[in-house]
Amino acid sequence: MASSEIDKLINEVSKLPGLGRRSAQRIALYLLKNKERSLMPLVHTLNEANEKIINCKVCGNIDMIDPCS
């Protein structure tokens, strides 16, 4: 079961531009081994960005307000 979750994480990380499977594997394993110092702050920051950052309906730029400044 854990292997399946690790594979899912590696697959998601490998979708980022410029990261192949091997680099994604290194990053995923690093994050899992350093949960408190690296993984949890990253998860928190990604959640906040997902909630607060939007695409401007006028120009398509990313910002925290719509229309953007």
N, C-alpha and C. Protein backbone atom coordinates (compact mmCIF):
# COMPACT_ATOMS: atom_id res chain seq x y z
N MET A 1 0.82 -1.19 0.00
CA MET A 1 0.00 0.00 0.00
C MET A 1 0.86 1.25 0.00
N ALA A 2 1.87 1.31 0.84
CA ALA A 2 2.73 2.50 0.89
C ALA A 2 3.43 2.71 -0.44
N SER A 3 3.84 1.63 -1.07
CA SER A 3 4.52 1.73 -2.36
C SER A 3 3.61 2.40 -3.39
N SER A 4 2.34 2.07 -3.36
CA SER A 4 1.38 2.67 -4.28
C SER A 4 1.28 4.18 -4.05
N GLU A 5 1.24 4.59 -2.80
CA GLU A 5 1.17 6.02 -2.47
C GLU A 5 2.46 6.73 -2.86
N ILE A 6 3.58 6.07 -2.66
CA ILE A 6 4.87 6.64 -3.06
C ILE A 6 4.91 6.80 -4.57
N ASP A 7 4.45 5.79 -5.29
CA ASP A 7 4.41 5.88 -6.76
C ASP A 7 3.51 7.02 -7.23
N LYS A 8 2.38 7.21 -6.55
CA LYS A 8 1.49 8.32 -6.91
C LYS A 8 2.20 9.65 -6.72
N LEU A 9 2.91 9.79 -5.60
CA LEU A 9 3.64 11.02 -5.33
C LEU A 9 4.72 11.25 -6.39
N ILE A 10 5.47 10.21 -6.70
CA ILE A 10 6.52 10.32 -7.73
C ILE A 10 5.91 10.71 -9.07
N ASN A 11 4.80 10.11 -9.43
CA ASN A 11 4.14 10.44 -10.70
C ASN A 11 3.69 11.90 -10.74
N GLU A 12 3.15 12.39 -9.64
CA GLU A 12 2.71 13.79 -9.60
C GLU A 12 3.89 14.75 -9.69
N VAL A 13 4.96 14.45 -8.96
CA VAL A 13 6.14 15.32 -8.99
C VAL A 13 6.76 15.29 -10.38
N SER A 14 6.75 14.15 -11.04
CA SER A 14 7.36 14.05 -12.37
C SER A 14 6.60 14.82 -13.43
N LYS A 15 5.39 15.26 -13.13
CA LYS A 15 4.61 16.07 -14.07
C LYS A 15 5.08 17.52 -14.11
N LEU A 16 5.89 17.92 -13.13
CA LEU A 16 6.40 19.29 -13.11
C LEU A 16 7.41 19.47 -14.24
N PRO A 17 7.43 20.65 -14.85
CA PRO A 17 8.34 20.88 -15.98
C PRO A 17 9.80 20.67 -15.60
N GLY A 18 10.52 19.97 -16.44
CA GLY A 18 11.95 19.76 -16.25
C GLY A 18 12.33 18.63 -15.32
N LEU A 19 11.34 17.93 -14.77
CA LEU A 19 11.63 16.83 -13.85
C LEU A 19 11.28 15.50 -14.49
N GLY A 20 12.27 14.66 -14.62
CA GLY A 20 12.04 13.30 -15.07
C GLY A 20 11.68 12.41 -13.90
N ARG A 21 11.46 11.16 -14.19
CA ARG A 21 11.06 10.21 -13.14
C ARG A 21 12.13 10.07 -12.06
N ARG A 22 13.39 10.01 -12.45
CA ARG A 22 14.46 9.82 -11.45
C ARG A 22 14.57 11.03 -10.52
N SER A 23 14.51 12.23 -11.06
CA SER A 23 14.54 13.43 -10.22
C SER A 23 13.31 13.50 -9.33
N ALA A 24 12.16 13.15 -9.89
CA ALA A 24 10.93 13.15 -9.11
C ALA A 24 11.01 12.15 -7.96
N GLN A 25 11.63 11.01 -8.22
CA GLN A 25 11.81 10.00 -7.17
C GLN A 25 12.69 10.54 -6.06
N ARG A 26 13.78 11.20 -6.42
CA ARG A 26 14.67 11.78 -5.40
C ARG A 26 13.93 12.82 -4.56
N ILE A 27 13.18 13.68 -5.23
CA ILE A 27 12.44 14.72 -4.51
C ILE A 27 11.39 14.10 -3.60
N ALA A 28 10.62 13.16 -4.11
CA ALA A 28 9.57 12.53 -3.32
C ALA A 28 10.14 11.83 -2.09
N LEU A 29 11.21 11.09 -2.26
CA LEU A 29 11.81 10.39 -1.12
C LEU A 29 12.40 11.38 -0.11
N TYR A 30 12.99 12.46 -0.61
CA TYR A 30 13.52 13.49 0.29
C TYR A 30 12.38 14.10 1.11
N LEU A 31 11.28 14.44 0.44
CA LEU A 31 10.15 15.03 1.15
C LEU A 31 9.59 14.08 2.20
N LEU A 32 9.48 12.81 1.86
CA LEU A 32 8.94 11.83 2.81
C LEU A 32 9.87 11.59 4.00
N LYS A 33 11.17 11.70 3.77
CA LYS A 33 12.12 11.52 4.87
C LYS A 33 12.25 12.76 5.74
N ASN A 34 11.81 13.91 5.23
CA ASN A 34 11.92 15.18 5.95
C ASN A 34 10.56 15.86 6.04
N LYS A 35 9.61 15.14 6.60
CA LYS A 35 8.23 15.61 6.63
C LYS A 35 8.07 16.95 7.33
N GLU A 36 8.58 17.05 8.54
CA GLU A 36 8.37 18.27 9.33
C GLU A 36 9.10 19.47 8.74
N ARG A 37 10.28 19.26 8.22
CA ARG A 37 11.10 20.36 7.73
C ARG A 37 10.77 20.74 6.29
N SER A 38 10.34 19.78 5.48
CA SER A 38 10.16 20.06 4.06
C SER A 38 8.74 19.77 3.54
N LEU A 39 8.23 18.59 3.81
CA LEU A 39 6.95 18.20 3.23
C LEU A 39 5.79 19.03 3.78
N MET A 40 5.67 19.14 5.09
CA MET A 40 4.54 19.84 5.68
C MET A 40 4.52 21.32 5.31
N PRO A 41 5.65 22.04 5.36
CA PRO A 41 5.62 23.44 4.91
C PRO A 41 5.25 23.57 3.43
N LEU A 42 5.71 22.65 2.60
CA LEU A 42 5.37 22.69 1.18
C LEU A 42 3.88 22.45 0.98
N VAL A 43 3.32 21.48 1.66
CA VAL A 43 1.88 21.19 1.56
C VAL A 43 1.08 22.41 2.00
N HIS A 44 1.48 23.01 3.10
CA HIS A 44 0.78 24.20 3.62
C HIS A 44 0.84 25.34 2.61
N THR A 45 2.01 25.60 2.06
CA THR A 45 2.19 26.69 1.10
C THR A 45 1.40 26.43 -0.19
N LEU A 46 1.41 25.19 -0.66
CA LEU A 46 0.64 24.85 -1.86
C LEU A 46 -0.87 25.02 -1.62
N ASN A 47 -1.35 24.61 -0.45
CA ASN A 47 -2.76 24.78 -0.13
C ASN A 47 -3.14 26.25 -0.08
N GLU A 48 -2.31 27.08 0.55
CA GLU A 48 -2.58 28.51 0.62
C GLU A 48 -2.58 29.13 -0.77
N ALA A 49 -1.61 28.78 -1.58
CA ALA A 49 -1.55 29.31 -2.95
C ALA A 49 -2.79 28.90 -3.73
N ASN A 50 -3.21 27.66 -3.58
CA ASN A 50 -4.38 27.16 -4.28
C ASN A 50 -5.64 27.93 -3.87
N GLU A 51 -5.74 28.30 -2.60
CA GLU A 51 -6.91 29.01 -2.10
C GLU A 51 -6.89 30.49 -2.46
N LYS A 52 -5.71 31.11 -2.47
CA LYS A 52 -5.64 32.57 -2.57
C LYS A 52 -5.28 33.11 -3.94
N ILE A 53 -4.59 32.34 -4.76
CA ILE A 53 -4.13 32.85 -6.05
C ILE A 53 -5.12 32.43 -7.13
N ILE A 54 -5.51 33.42 -7.95
CA ILE A 54 -6.50 33.19 -9.00
C ILE A 54 -5.99 33.72 -10.33
N ASN A 55 -6.67 33.36 -11.40
CA ASN A 55 -6.39 33.91 -12.72
C ASN A 55 -7.28 35.12 -12.93
N CYS A 56 -6.67 36.23 -13.35
CA CYS A 56 -7.42 37.44 -13.65
C CYS A 56 -8.33 37.18 -14.85
N LYS A 57 -9.59 37.56 -14.73
CA LYS A 57 -10.54 37.33 -15.82
C LYS A 57 -10.33 38.30 -16.97
N VAL A 58 -9.59 39.38 -16.73
CA VAL A 58 -9.34 40.37 -17.78
C VAL A 58 -8.14 39.97 -18.63
N CYS A 59 -7.00 39.70 -17.97
CA CYS A 59 -5.76 39.47 -18.73
C CYS A 59 -5.22 38.05 -18.61
N GLY A 60 -5.76 37.25 -17.69
CA GLY A 60 -5.29 35.88 -17.53
C GLY A 60 -4.07 35.73 -16.64
N ASN A 61 -3.53 36.85 -16.15
CA ASN A 61 -2.38 36.80 -15.26
C ASN A 61 -2.79 36.21 -13.91
N ILE A 62 -1.82 35.70 -13.16
CA ILE A 62 -2.14 35.20 -11.83
C ILE A 62 -1.93 36.31 -10.81
N ASP A 63 -2.86 36.40 -9.86
CA ASP A 63 -2.81 37.43 -8.82
C ASP A 63 -3.71 36.97 -7.68
N MET A 64 -3.80 37.80 -6.65
CA MET A 64 -4.65 37.47 -5.52
C MET A 64 -5.98 38.20 -5.58
N ILE A 65 -6.12 39.15 -6.52
CA ILE A 65 -7.37 39.88 -6.69
C ILE A 65 -7.78 39.84 -8.16
N ASP A 66 -9.08 40.02 -8.41
CA ASP A 66 -9.58 40.03 -9.78
C ASP A 66 -10.49 41.23 -9.95
N PRO A 67 -10.25 42.14 -10.86
CA PRO A 67 -9.13 42.14 -11.80
C PRO A 67 -7.82 42.42 -11.10
N CYS A 68 -6.75 41.98 -11.73
CA CYS A 68 -5.43 42.10 -11.11
C CYS A 68 -4.98 43.56 -11.06
N SER A 69 -3.96 43.79 -10.26
CA SER A 69 -3.47 45.16 -10.08
C SER A 69 -2.47 45.57 -11.13
